[in-house]
Amino acid sequence: METLEFVIYPDGRVQELVTGIVGSSCAEVTAAIEAQLGQVMSQEQTS
């Protein structure tokens, strides 16, 4: 199952957690969302 989870902090930061999507497909799925959210401060690949 593919899921996207967003945690929005009081200071405006947004943490995006993606599960069930492997490799470069993850970046393709999240690119449009990240473009709308603003500057990406950091990324960590988990698989």
Protein backbone atom coordinates (compact mmCIF):
# COMPACT_ATOMS: atom_id res chain seq x y z
CA MET A 1 0.00 0.00 0.00
CA GLU A 2 1.33 3.43 -0.97
CA THR A 3 0.81 6.23 1.55
CA LEU A 4 1.81 9.87 1.92
CA GLU A 5 1.64 11.34 5.41
CA PHE A 6 2.16 15.00 6.25
CA VAL A 7 2.97 16.41 9.67
CA ILE A 8 2.44 20.18 9.92
CA TYR A 9 4.30 21.82 12.79
CA PRO A 10 3.20 25.03 14.58
CA ASP A 11 6.16 26.92 13.06
CA GLY A 12 4.96 26.09 9.52
CA ARG A 13 7.39 23.29 8.72
CA VAL A 14 5.91 20.29 6.94
CA GLN A 15 7.32 16.79 7.28
CA GLU A 16 6.42 14.40 4.48
CA LEU A 17 6.58 10.66 5.10
CA VAL A 18 6.22 8.30 2.13
CA THR A 19 5.79 4.54 2.43
CA GLY A 20 5.29 1.84 -0.16
CA ILE A 21 7.06 3.65 -3.02
CA VAL A 22 10.58 2.52 -3.92
CA GLY A 23 13.48 4.39 -5.51
CA SER A 24 13.17 7.27 -7.93
CA SER A 25 9.41 6.73 -8.19
CA CYS A 26 9.11 8.35 -4.77
CA ALA A 27 10.67 11.59 -6.02
CA GLU A 28 8.38 11.58 -9.06
CA VAL A 29 5.27 11.15 -6.90
CA THR A 30 6.20 13.88 -4.42
CA ALA A 31 7.72 16.49 -6.78
CA ALA A 32 4.47 18.36 -7.53
CA ILE A 33 3.47 18.44 -3.86
CA GLU A 34 6.89 19.70 -2.78
CA ALA A 35 6.79 22.42 -5.45
CA GLN A 36 3.53 23.72 -3.97
CA LEU A 37 4.74 23.52 -0.36
CA GLY A 38 7.89 25.57 -0.95
CA GLN A 39 11.58 25.10 -0.26
CA VAL A 40 12.72 21.58 0.61
CA MET A 41 15.10 21.87 3.56
CA SER A 42 16.28 18.25 3.58
CA GLN A 43 15.49 14.81 2.22
CA GLU A 44 16.29 11.36 3.53
CA GLN A 45 15.73 8.24 1.46
CA THR A 46 14.68 5.27 3.54
CA SER A 47 14.81 2.52 0.93
